[in-house]
Amino acid sequence: MIVVYGKPKSFKSVQTNSSVSWDDCVKLCWSNSSCVLAYDKNNTCQWFKYGNISTVTQTTKTQGFKVAFKINITSATCPTGTNPPTFNNKTASVSLETPDEVTQIPIRVNYTIKLVNGTWTFTFVVKNACPLPQYSFTRRPSMDWCLLPLYTNISQSYDDAVAGCATQGCILTGASNADEVEYLVVSAKLIRTYTISRNIYLRIDGVRSTKCQSTPKTAACKTSSGFTYGDSSSKTIDYYNWVTNAGAQASTGDNCLVVRANGTSSILEDVRSCTSTTALPVYGFVCGRQAWVW
């Protein structure tokens, strides 16, 4: 936070907190991921969310107005120069990440602060992590990820599910951690409220490797390496909860991963046919895409 003499000039709305000191007001803005500016208005804390403040008038010490700009600093020391936060009249570029107030999916806010003729002007560019609110957001070790469950009332083969995800700019995905496994459970519960049968499979990424199709019950074939994946960010079955185990092959050709939602039984993972002819109809699948890139 950079504290300077200034006064908000043009804004849409403001948050007010009369119970905190100016120092605490600055700290409040710093800790709030959506705040970009704090203002000391007659010893009352005011702060502004991104998009709600447009311009700030530069003032002098004698006028007594103080504001605190949130900026990014890469060094351990405060920058030097005239007219902070636009040190030596250079445009300040700032980036922050904050959850959407409705979906809680992250938003990246990139903004600039520019000083012209005694007025600082904010310019904001907002980017959602995922393209639509129907997506859910997760963080994977290699990248941020968006998840999207889709349903149909026509049983889907593995190839159908891959193609269905592609129409949304996605790929068929699975779960890379325990939280994502829980997401699969939630998705199955949601999808079965829309389908003509409540006893269904959901397709997820993962096809038993050619080598393991004839020996699925060996120890090696019941590990993550016993399957191939279209989603390079989630090459694992380590977190799944199985109907039996990863070596399941009730019928020849049962080589594709699914989520089973059957009656009141627990929603679990299984290995079933890659065709559209399965013990239960495949009425859903789970798609994914890299966050921020759309």
C-alpha atoms as a PDB file:
ATOM      1  CA  MET A   1       0.000   0.000   0.000  1.00  0.00           C
ATOM      2  CA  ILE A   2       1.276   3.468  -0.910  1.00  0.00           C
ATOM      3  CA  VAL A   3      -0.116   6.325   1.210  1.00  0.00           C
ATOM      4  CA  VAL A   4      -0.228   9.739  -0.485  1.00  0.00           C
ATOM      5  CA  TYR A   5      -2.200  12.946  -0.321  1.00  0.00           C
ATOM      6  CA  GLY A   6      -5.295  12.589  -2.436  1.00  0.00           C
ATOM      7  CA  LYS A   7      -9.082  12.486  -2.539  1.00  0.00           C
ATOM      8  CA  PRO A   8     -11.479  10.225  -4.489  1.00  0.00           C
ATOM      9  CA  LYS A   9     -13.025  12.171  -7.346  1.00  0.00           C
ATOM     10  CA  SER A  10     -15.167   9.831  -9.433  1.00  0.00           C
ATOM     11  CA  PHE A  11     -16.573   6.572  -8.075  1.00  0.00           C
ATOM     12  CA  LYS A  12     -19.649   4.330  -8.145  1.00  0.00           C
ATOM     13  CA  SER A  13     -19.856   3.090  -4.571  1.00  0.00           C
ATOM     14  CA  VAL A  14     -17.760   2.975  -1.421  1.00  0.00           C
ATOM     15  CA  GLN A  15     -17.418   0.740   1.639  1.00  0.00           C
ATOM     16  CA  THR A  16     -17.323   2.532   5.006  1.00  0.00           C
ATOM     17  CA  ASN A  17     -15.939   1.359   8.335  1.00  0.00           C
ATOM     18  CA  SER A  18     -16.050   4.004  11.061  1.00  0.00           C
ATOM     19  CA  SER A  19     -14.675   1.780  13.818  1.00  0.00           C
ATOM     20  CA  VAL A  20     -11.063   1.445  12.646  1.00  0.00           C
ATOM     21  CA  SER A  21      -8.078   3.778  12.659  1.00  0.00           C
ATOM     22  CA  TRP A  22      -6.419   4.987   9.479  1.00  0.00           C
ATOM     23  CA  ASP A  23      -3.552   2.528   9.904  1.00  0.00           C
ATOM     24  CA  ASP A  24      -6.028  -0.308  10.310  1.00  0.00           C
ATOM     25  CA  CYS A  25      -7.992   0.992   7.335  1.00  0.00           C
ATOM     26  CA  VAL A  26      -4.889   0.634   5.180  1.00  0.00           C
ATOM     27  CA  LYS A  27      -4.327  -2.881   6.535  1.00  0.00           C
ATOM     28  CA  LEU A  28      -7.976  -3.725   5.893  1.00  0.00           C
ATOM     29  CA  CYS A  29      -7.640  -2.755   2.246  1.00  0.00           C
ATOM     30  CA  TRP A  30      -4.391  -4.671   1.917  1.00  0.00           C
ATOM     31  CA  SER A  31      -5.920  -7.863   3.318  1.00  0.00           C
ATOM     32  CA  ASN A  32      -9.143  -7.599   1.291  1.00  0.00           C
ATOM     33  CA  SER A  33      -8.469  -9.101  -2.120  1.00  0.00           C
ATOM     34  CA  SER A  34     -11.053  -6.898  -3.871  1.00  0.00           C
ATOM     35  CA  CYS A  35      -9.893  -3.559  -2.408  1.00  0.00           C
ATOM     36  CA  VAL A  36      -7.736  -1.225  -4.519  1.00  0.00           C
ATOM     37  CA  LEU A  37      -7.905   2.073  -2.600  1.00  0.00           C
ATOM     38  CA  ALA A  38      -8.420   3.231   0.995  1.00  0.00           C
ATOM     39  CA  TYR A  39      -9.424   6.792   1.939  1.00  0.00           C
ATOM     40  CA  ASP A  40      -9.260   8.675   5.232  1.00  0.00           C
ATOM     41  CA  LYS A  41     -12.461  10.746   5.180  1.00  0.00           C
ATOM     42  CA  ASN A  42     -12.646  12.855   8.322  1.00  0.00           C
ATOM     43  CA  ASN A  43     -11.097  10.028  10.374  1.00  0.00           C
ATOM     44  CA  THR A  44     -13.546   7.531   8.867  1.00  0.00           C
ATOM     45  CA  CYS A  45     -12.240   4.573   6.911  1.00  0.00           C
ATOM     46  CA  GLN A  46     -13.538   4.297   3.382  1.00  0.00           C
ATOM     47  CA  TRP A  47     -12.356   1.740   0.856  1.00  0.00           C
ATOM     48  CA  PHE A  48     -13.120   0.958  -2.751  1.00  0.00           C
ATOM     49  CA  LYS A  49     -13.473  -2.321  -4.596  1.00  0.00           C
ATOM     50  CA  TYR A  50     -12.045  -2.752  -8.081  1.00  0.00           C
ATOM     51  CA  GLY A  51     -14.324  -1.203 -10.683  1.00  0.00           C
ATOM     52  CA  ASN A  52     -15.928   1.164  -8.164  1.00  0.00           C
ATOM     53  CA  ILE A  53     -13.293   3.901  -8.246  1.00  0.00           C
ATOM     54  CA  SER A  54     -12.350   5.746 -11.439  1.00  0.00           C
ATOM     55  CA  THR A  55     -10.303   8.814 -10.517  1.00  0.00           C
ATOM     56  CA  VAL A  56      -8.460  10.309  -7.545  1.00  0.00           C
ATOM     57  CA  THR A  57      -7.463  13.958  -7.231  1.00  0.00           C
ATOM     58  CA  GLN A  58      -3.899  14.669  -6.115  1.00  0.00           C
ATOM     59  CA  THR A  59      -3.904  17.000  -3.084  1.00  0.00           C
ATOM     60  CA  THR A  60      -1.374  18.565  -0.712  1.00  0.00           C
ATOM     61  CA  LYS A  61      -0.462  17.946   2.911  1.00  0.00           C
ATOM     62  CA  THR A  62      -2.212  21.133   4.040  1.00  0.00           C
ATOM     63  CA  GLN A  63      -5.520  19.940   2.606  1.00  0.00           C
ATOM     64  CA  GLY A  64      -5.371  16.901   4.874  1.00  0.00           C
ATOM     65  CA  PHE A  65      -6.794  14.252   2.526  1.00  0.00           C
ATOM     66  CA  LYS A  66      -5.070  10.855   2.452  1.00  0.00           C
ATOM     67  CA  VAL A  67      -5.507   7.811   0.260  1.00  0.00           C
ATOM     68  CA  ALA A  68      -3.680   4.485   0.075  1.00  0.00           C
ATOM     69  CA  PHE A  69      -3.224   2.777  -3.290  1.00  0.00           C
ATOM     70  CA  LYS A  70      -2.758  -0.979  -3.522  1.00  0.00           C
ATOM     71  CA  ILE A  71       0.114  -1.758  -5.879  1.00  0.00           C
ATOM     72  CA  ASN A  72       2.417  -4.688  -6.595  1.00  0.00           C
ATOM     73  CA  ILE A  73       6.023  -4.331  -5.436  1.00  0.00           C
ATOM     74  CA  THR A  74       8.604  -6.941  -6.402  1.00  0.00           C
ATOM     75  CA  SER A  75      11.448  -5.635  -4.240  1.00  0.00           C
ATOM     76  CA  ALA A  76      11.808  -5.667  -0.452  1.00  0.00           C
ATOM     77  CA  THR A  77      12.024  -1.869  -0.329  1.00  0.00           C
ATOM     78  CA  CYS A  78       9.520   0.810  -1.249  1.00  0.00           C
ATOM     79  CA  PRO A  79      10.072   2.407  -4.672  1.00  0.00           C
ATOM     80  CA  THR A  80      11.353   5.986  -4.830  1.00  0.00           C
ATOM     81  CA  GLY A  81      10.490   8.882  -7.084  1.00  0.00           C
ATOM     82  CA  THR A  82       8.014  11.702  -7.471  1.00  0.00           C
ATOM     83  CA  ASN A  83       4.236  11.369  -7.489  1.00  0.00           C
ATOM     84  CA  PRO A  84       3.804   7.897  -5.991  1.00  0.00           C
ATOM     85  CA  PRO A  85       2.225   5.433  -6.716  1.00  0.00           C
ATOM     86  CA  THR A  86       3.021   6.520 -10.284  1.00  0.00           C
ATOM     87  CA  PHE A  87       6.680   6.960  -9.397  1.00  0.00           C
ATOM     88  CA  ASN A  88       8.316   9.538 -11.669  1.00  0.00           C
ATOM     89  CA  ASN A  89       5.010   9.733 -13.549  1.00  0.00           C
ATOM     90  CA  LYS A  90       5.208   6.169 -14.831  1.00  0.00           C
ATOM     91  CA  THR A  91       1.984   4.185 -15.130  1.00  0.00           C
ATOM     92  CA  ALA A  92       1.568   1.682 -12.293  1.00  0.00           C
ATOM     93  CA  SER A  93       0.422  -1.787 -13.363  1.00  0.00           C
ATOM     94  CA  VAL A  94      -1.249  -3.947 -10.721  1.00  0.00           C
ATOM     95  CA  SER A  95      -2.726  -7.449 -10.649  1.00  0.00           C
ATOM     96  CA  LEU A  96      -4.905  -9.057  -8.001  1.00  0.00           C
ATOM     97  CA  GLU A  97      -7.000 -12.195  -7.665  1.00  0.00           C
ATOM     98  CA  THR A  98     -10.308 -12.256  -5.817  1.00  0.00           C
ATOM     99  CA  PRO A  99     -13.308 -14.621  -5.656  1.00  0.00           C
ATOM    100  CA  ASP A 100     -16.470 -13.767  -7.552  1.00  0.00           C
ATOM    101  CA  GLU A 101     -19.092 -12.642  -5.046  1.00  0.00           C
ATOM    102  CA  VAL A 102     -21.703 -15.055  -6.439  1.00  0.00           C
ATOM    103  CA  THR A 103     -19.861 -18.134  -7.744  1.00  0.00           C
ATOM    104  CA  GLN A 104     -16.694 -17.794  -5.613  1.00  0.00           C
ATOM    105  CA  ILE A 105     -14.705 -18.739  -8.737  1.00  0.00           C
ATOM    106  CA  PRO A 106     -11.544 -16.607  -8.868  1.00  0.00           C
ATOM    107  CA  ILE A 107     -11.363 -13.417 -10.889  1.00  0.00           C
ATOM    108  CA  ARG A 108      -8.134 -11.773 -11.981  1.00  0.00           C
ATOM    109  CA  VAL A 109      -8.201  -8.007 -11.998  1.00  0.00           C
ATOM    110  CA  ASN A 110      -5.445  -6.266 -13.918  1.00  0.00           C
ATOM    111  CA  TYR A 111      -5.464  -2.519 -13.559  1.00  0.00           C
ATOM    112  CA  THR A 112      -3.354   0.523 -14.246  1.00  0.00           C
ATOM    113  CA  ILE A 113      -3.026   3.807 -12.386  1.00  0.00           C
ATOM    114  CA  LYS A 114      -2.004   6.795 -14.499  1.00  0.00           C
ATOM    115  CA  LEU A 115      -1.393  10.404 -13.383  1.00  0.00           C
ATOM    116  CA  VAL A 116      -2.396  13.202 -15.771  1.00  0.00           C
ATOM    117  CA  ASN A 117      -2.767  16.862 -14.761  1.00  0.00           C
ATOM    118  CA  GLY A 118      -3.121  16.110 -11.065  1.00  0.00           C
ATOM    119  CA  THR A 119      -5.609  13.262 -11.444  1.00  0.00           C
ATOM    120  CA  TRP A 120      -4.909   9.545 -11.042  1.00  0.00           C
ATOM    121  CA  THR A 121      -7.075   7.400 -13.314  1.00  0.00           C
ATOM    122  CA  PHE A 122      -7.814   3.710 -12.769  1.00  0.00           C
ATOM    123  CA  THR A 123      -8.378   1.397 -15.746  1.00  0.00           C
ATOM    124  CA  PHE A 124      -9.596  -2.125 -14.948  1.00  0.00           C
ATOM    125  CA  VAL A 125      -9.589  -5.336 -17.000  1.00  0.00           C
ATOM    126  CA  VAL A 126     -11.405  -8.259 -15.366  1.00  0.00           C
ATOM    127  CA  LYS A 127     -10.929 -11.922 -16.331  1.00  0.00           C
ATOM    128  CA  ASN A 128     -12.903 -14.859 -14.919  1.00  0.00           C
ATOM    129  CA  ALA A 129     -11.011 -18.089 -14.294  1.00  0.00           C
ATOM    130  CA  CYS A 130     -13.715 -20.111 -16.058  1.00  0.00           C
ATOM    131  CA  PRO A 131     -15.834 -19.034 -19.037  1.00  0.00           C
ATOM    132  CA  LEU A 132     -19.261 -19.680 -17.484  1.00  0.00           C
ATOM    133  CA  PRO A 133     -20.716 -19.832 -13.946  1.00  0.00           C
ATOM    134  CA  GLN A 134     -21.698 -23.483 -14.549  1.00  0.00           C
ATOM    135  CA  TYR A 135     -18.034 -24.438 -14.177  1.00  0.00           C
ATOM    136  CA  SER A 136     -16.306 -25.249 -10.910  1.00  0.00           C
ATOM    137  CA  PHE A 137     -12.729 -24.214 -10.199  1.00  0.00           C
ATOM    138  CA  THR A 138      -9.853 -26.236  -8.805  1.00  0.00           C
ATOM    139  CA  ARG A 139      -6.109 -25.816  -8.438  1.00  0.00           C
ATOM    140  CA  ARG A 140      -3.940 -28.625  -9.749  1.00  0.00           C
ATOM    141  CA  PRO A 141      -0.173 -28.863  -9.250  1.00  0.00           C
ATOM    142  CA  SER A 142       0.525 -28.012 -12.880  1.00  0.00           C
ATOM    143  CA  MET A 143      -2.261 -25.513 -13.558  1.00  0.00           C
ATOM    144  CA  ASP A 144      -5.567 -24.011 -12.467  1.00  0.00           C
ATOM    145  CA  TRP A 145      -8.474 -26.037 -13.842  1.00  0.00           C
ATOM    146  CA  CYS A 146     -12.177 -25.626 -14.656  1.00  0.00           C
ATOM    147  CA  LEU A 147     -14.622 -28.546 -14.338  1.00  0.00           C
ATOM    148  CA  LEU A 148     -17.959 -28.916 -16.110  1.00  0.00           C
ATOM    149  CA  PRO A 149     -20.461 -31.799 -15.746  1.00  0.00           C
ATOM    150  CA  LEU A 150     -22.694 -32.492 -18.755  1.00  0.00           C
ATOM    151  CA  TYR A 151     -25.684 -34.800 -19.086  1.00  0.00           C
ATOM    152  CA  THR A 152     -27.726 -36.467 -21.820  1.00  0.00           C
ATOM    153  CA  ASN A 153     -30.548 -38.979 -22.019  1.00  0.00           C
ATOM    154  CA  ILE A 154     -28.744 -41.051 -24.653  1.00  0.00           C
ATOM    155  CA  SER A 155     -26.145 -43.481 -23.331  1.00  0.00           C
ATOM    156  CA  GLN A 156     -22.651 -42.281 -24.227  1.00  0.00           C
ATOM    157  CA  SER A 157     -19.601 -44.236 -25.317  1.00  0.00           C
ATOM    158  CA  TYR A 158     -16.148 -43.076 -24.282  1.00  0.00           C
ATOM    159  CA  ASP A 159     -15.670 -41.511 -27.714  1.00  0.00           C
ATOM    160  CA  ASP A 160     -19.069 -39.790 -27.420  1.00  0.00           C
ATOM    161  CA  ALA A 161     -18.010 -38.234 -24.122  1.00  0.00           C
ATOM    162  CA  VAL A 162     -14.708 -37.042 -25.576  1.00  0.00           C
ATOM    163  CA  ALA A 163     -16.579 -35.463 -28.488  1.00  0.00           C
ATOM    164  CA  GLY A 164     -19.176 -33.929 -26.174  1.00  0.00           C
ATOM    165  CA  CYS A 165     -16.491 -32.244 -24.104  1.00  0.00           C
ATOM    166  CA  ALA A 166     -14.815 -30.981 -27.268  1.00  0.00           C
ATOM    167  CA  THR A 167     -17.988 -29.087 -28.229  1.00  0.00           C
ATOM    168  CA  GLN A 168     -17.482 -27.035 -25.052  1.00  0.00           C
ATOM    169  CA  GLY A 169     -13.805 -26.416 -25.739  1.00  0.00           C
ATOM    170  CA  CYS A 170     -12.956 -28.994 -23.071  1.00  0.00           C
ATOM    171  CA  ILE A 171     -11.475 -32.454 -22.697  1.00  0.00           C
ATOM    172  CA  LEU A 172     -12.792 -35.427 -20.769  1.00  0.00           C
ATOM    173  CA  THR A 173     -11.279 -35.209 -17.304  1.00  0.00           C
ATOM    174  CA  GLY A 174     -10.995 -37.117 -14.043  1.00  0.00           C
ATOM    175  CA  ALA A 175     -10.019 -36.320 -10.470  1.00  0.00           C
ATOM    176  CA  SER A 176      -6.503 -35.307  -9.479  1.00  0.00           C
ATOM    177  CA  ASN A 177      -7.165 -35.069  -5.724  1.00  0.00           C
ATOM    178  CA  ALA A 178      -9.692 -35.963  -3.025  1.00  0.00           C
ATOM    179  CA  ASP A 179     -11.630 -32.710  -3.433  1.00  0.00           C
ATOM    180  CA  GLU A 180     -12.146 -33.431  -7.110  1.00  0.00           C
ATOM    181  CA  VAL A 181     -13.389 -36.931  -6.284  1.00  0.00           C
ATOM    182  CA  GLU A 182     -15.998 -35.275  -4.086  1.00  0.00           C
ATOM    183  CA  TYR A 183     -16.828 -33.031  -7.043  1.00  0.00           C
ATOM    184  CA  LEU A 184     -17.526 -36.169  -9.090  1.00  0.00           C
ATOM    185  CA  VAL A 185     -19.946 -37.319  -6.391  1.00  0.00           C
ATOM    186  CA  VAL A 186     -21.706 -33.951  -6.389  1.00  0.00           C
ATOM    187  CA  SER A 187     -21.833 -33.976 -10.195  1.00  0.00           C
ATOM    188  CA  ALA A 188     -23.390 -37.444 -10.239  1.00  0.00           C
ATOM    189  CA  LYS A 189     -26.040 -36.370  -7.736  1.00  0.00           C
ATOM    190  CA  LEU A 190     -26.821 -33.302  -9.831  1.00  0.00           C
ATOM    191  CA  ILE A 191     -26.909 -35.075 -13.184  1.00  0.00           C
ATOM    192  CA  ARG A 192     -29.197 -37.877 -12.013  1.00  0.00           C
ATOM    193  CA  THR A 193     -31.856 -35.260 -11.117  1.00  0.00           C
ATOM    194  CA  TYR A 194     -32.111 -34.434 -14.834  1.00  0.00           C
ATOM    195  CA  THR A 195     -31.880 -37.873 -16.445  1.00  0.00           C
ATOM    196  CA  ILE A 196     -34.671 -40.336 -17.222  1.00  0.00           C
ATOM    197  CA  SER A 197     -33.040 -42.894 -14.921  1.00  0.00           C
ATOM    198  CA  ARG A 198     -31.469 -42.251 -11.540  1.00  0.00           C
ATOM    199  CA  ASN A 199     -29.231 -45.294 -11.926  1.00  0.00           C
ATOM    200  CA  ILE A 200     -26.443 -44.112 -14.194  1.00  0.00           C
ATOM    201  CA  TYR A 201     -22.767 -43.983 -15.005  1.00  0.00           C
ATOM    202  CA  LEU A 202     -20.748 -40.832 -15.634  1.00  0.00           C
ATOM    203  CA  ARG A 203     -17.763 -41.085 -17.914  1.00  0.00           C
ATOM    204  CA  ILE A 204     -14.444 -39.741 -16.698  1.00  0.00           C
ATOM    205  CA  ASP A 205     -10.996 -39.767 -18.246  1.00  0.00           C
ATOM    206  CA  GLY A 206      -9.019 -43.005 -18.181  1.00  0.00           C
ATOM    207  CA  VAL A 207      -8.774 -46.055 -20.449  1.00  0.00           C
ATOM    208  CA  ARG A 208      -7.021 -49.232 -19.386  1.00  0.00           C
ATOM    209  CA  SER A 209      -3.732 -49.585 -21.243  1.00  0.00           C
ATOM    210  CA  THR A 210      -3.502 -52.122 -24.051  1.00  0.00           C
ATOM    211  CA  LYS A 211      -1.020 -54.158 -22.040  1.00  0.00           C
ATOM    212  CA  CYS A 212      -3.293 -54.296 -18.988  1.00  0.00           C
ATOM    213  CA  GLN A 213      -6.519 -55.141 -20.814  1.00  0.00           C
ATOM    214  CA  SER A 214      -5.601 -58.830 -20.721  1.00  0.00           C
ATOM    215  CA  THR A 215      -4.143 -58.738 -17.183  1.00  0.00           C
ATOM    216  CA  PRO A 216      -6.227 -56.131 -15.310  1.00  0.00           C
ATOM    217  CA  LYS A 217      -5.924 -57.757 -11.901  1.00  0.00           C
ATOM    218  CA  THR A 218      -2.140 -57.652 -11.641  1.00  0.00           C
ATOM    219  CA  ALA A 219      -0.749 -55.227  -9.080  1.00  0.00           C
ATOM    220  CA  ALA A 220       0.820 -52.967 -11.701  1.00  0.00           C
ATOM    221  CA  CYS A 221      -2.384 -52.766 -13.729  1.00  0.00           C
ATOM    222  CA  LYS A 222      -4.369 -51.618 -10.706  1.00  0.00           C
ATOM    223  CA  THR A 223      -2.208 -48.507 -10.373  1.00  0.00           C
ATOM    224  CA  SER A 224      -2.360 -45.205 -12.234  1.00  0.00           C
ATOM    225  CA  SER A 225       0.150 -46.519 -14.776  1.00  0.00           C
ATOM    226  CA  GLY A 226      -2.343 -49.215 -15.774  1.00  0.00           C
ATOM    227  CA  PHE A 227      -4.434 -46.606 -17.579  1.00  0.00           C
ATOM    228  CA  THR A 228      -3.911 -44.015 -20.295  1.00  0.00           C
ATOM    229  CA  TYR A 229      -5.297 -40.492 -20.083  1.00  0.00           C
ATOM    230  CA  GLY A 230      -6.373 -37.738 -22.426  1.00  0.00           C
ATOM    231  CA  ASP A 231      -5.996 -35.169 -19.647  1.00  0.00           C
ATOM    232  CA  SER A 232      -2.274 -34.693 -19.064  1.00  0.00           C
ATOM    233  CA  SER A 233      -2.895 -32.679 -15.883  1.00  0.00           C
ATOM    234  CA  SER A 234      -4.536 -35.604 -14.077  1.00  0.00           C
ATOM    235  CA  LYS A 235      -2.857 -38.928 -14.791  1.00  0.00           C
ATOM    236  CA  THR A 236      -3.930 -40.644 -11.593  1.00  0.00           C
ATOM    237  CA  ILE A 237      -6.500 -42.980 -10.062  1.00  0.00           C
ATOM    238  CA  ASP A 238      -4.989 -42.699  -6.592  1.00  0.00           C
ATOM    239  CA  TYR A 239      -7.920 -40.869  -4.995  1.00  0.00           C
ATOM    240  CA  TYR A 240     -10.816 -42.916  -6.322  1.00  0.00           C
ATOM    241  CA  ASN A 241     -13.181 -44.949  -4.160  1.00  0.00           C
ATOM    242  CA  TRP A 242     -13.905 -48.167  -6.017  1.00  0.00           C
ATOM    243  CA  VAL A 243     -16.951 -50.392  -6.323  1.00  0.00           C
ATOM    244  CA  THR A 244     -14.392 -53.232  -6.110  1.00  0.00           C
ATOM    245  CA  ASN A 245     -10.945 -52.114  -7.252  1.00  0.00           C
ATOM    246  CA  ALA A 246      -9.126 -50.713 -10.273  1.00  0.00           C
ATOM    247  CA  GLY A 247      -8.697 -54.222 -11.658  1.00  0.00           C
ATOM    248  CA  ALA A 248     -12.444 -54.689 -12.156  1.00  0.00           C
ATOM    249  CA  GLN A 249     -13.400 -56.286 -15.485  1.00  0.00           C
ATOM    250  CA  ALA A 250     -16.805 -57.928 -15.197  1.00  0.00           C
ATOM    251  CA  SER A 251     -16.966 -58.356 -18.975  1.00  0.00           C
ATOM    252  CA  THR A 252     -14.388 -58.402 -21.725  1.00  0.00           C
ATOM    253  CA  GLY A 253     -14.029 -54.826 -22.919  1.00  0.00           C
ATOM    254  CA  ASP A 254     -14.654 -53.247 -19.515  1.00  0.00           C
ATOM    255  CA  ASN A 255     -11.696 -50.888 -19.771  1.00  0.00           C
ATOM    256  CA  CYS A 256     -13.012 -47.339 -19.279  1.00  0.00           C
ATOM    257  CA  LEU A 257     -13.351 -45.441 -16.021  1.00  0.00           C
ATOM    258  CA  VAL A 258     -16.809 -44.391 -14.889  1.00  0.00           C
ATOM    259  CA  VAL A 259     -18.556 -43.015 -11.818  1.00  0.00           C
ATOM    260  CA  ARG A 260     -21.437 -45.215 -10.660  1.00  0.00           C
ATOM    261  CA  ALA A 261     -24.599 -43.741  -9.154  1.00  0.00           C
ATOM    262  CA  ASN A 262     -26.908 -46.673  -8.428  1.00  0.00           C
ATOM    263  CA  GLY A 263     -29.910 -46.474  -6.125  1.00  0.00           C
ATOM    264  CA  THR A 264     -29.035 -45.441  -2.591  1.00  0.00           C
ATOM    265  CA  SER A 265     -25.569 -47.001  -2.739  1.00  0.00           C
ATOM    266  CA  SER A 266     -22.502 -44.838  -2.324  1.00  0.00           C
ATOM    267  CA  ILE A 267     -21.349 -43.107  -5.489  1.00  0.00           C
ATOM    268  CA  LEU A 268     -18.121 -44.856  -6.450  1.00  0.00           C
ATOM    269  CA  GLU A 269     -15.707 -45.352  -9.331  1.00  0.00           C
ATOM    270  CA  ASP A 270     -15.684 -48.441 -11.537  1.00  0.00           C
ATOM    271  CA  VAL A 271     -14.281 -49.779 -14.810  1.00  0.00           C
ATOM    272  CA  ARG A 272     -16.892 -50.481 -17.482  1.00  0.00           C
ATOM    273  CA  SER A 273     -17.298 -50.835 -21.235  1.00  0.00           C
ATOM    274  CA  CYS A 274     -16.033 -48.051 -23.462  1.00  0.00           C
ATOM    275  CA  THR A 275     -19.098 -48.502 -25.697  1.00  0.00           C
ATOM    276  CA  SER A 276     -22.559 -47.070 -25.112  1.00  0.00           C
ATOM    277  CA  THR A 277     -23.799 -50.516 -24.038  1.00  0.00           C
ATOM    278  CA  THR A 278     -23.162 -50.757 -20.313  1.00  0.00           C
ATOM    279  CA  ALA A 279     -24.856 -52.301 -17.274  1.00  0.00           C
ATOM    280  CA  LEU A 280     -26.247 -48.853 -16.447  1.00  0.00           C
ATOM    281  CA  PRO A 281     -26.753 -46.119 -19.047  1.00  0.00           C
ATOM    282  CA  VAL A 282     -23.985 -43.552 -19.326  1.00  0.00           C
ATOM    283  CA  TYR A 283     -26.013 -40.365 -19.022  1.00  0.00           C
ATOM    284  CA  GLY A 284     -23.258 -37.945 -18.090  1.00  0.00           C
ATOM    285  CA  PHE A 285     -19.598 -37.086 -18.315  1.00  0.00           C
ATOM    286  CA  VAL A 286     -17.214 -34.633 -16.708  1.00  0.00           C
ATOM    287  CA  CYS A 287     -15.262 -32.171 -18.821  1.00  0.00           C
ATOM    288  CA  GLY A 288     -12.382 -29.888 -17.973  1.00  0.00           C
ATOM    289  CA  ARG A 289     -10.258 -27.111 -19.388  1.00  0.00           C
ATOM    290  CA  GLN A 290      -7.347 -24.984 -18.268  1.00  0.00           C
ATOM    291  CA  ALA A 291      -8.476 -21.963 -16.283  1.00  0.00           C
ATOM    292  CA  TRP A 292      -7.846 -18.405 -17.487  1.00  0.00           C
ATOM    293  CA  VAL A 293      -7.234 -19.591 -21.070  1.00  0.00           C
ATOM    294  CA  TRP A 294     -10.420 -19.029 -23.020  1.00  0.00           C
END
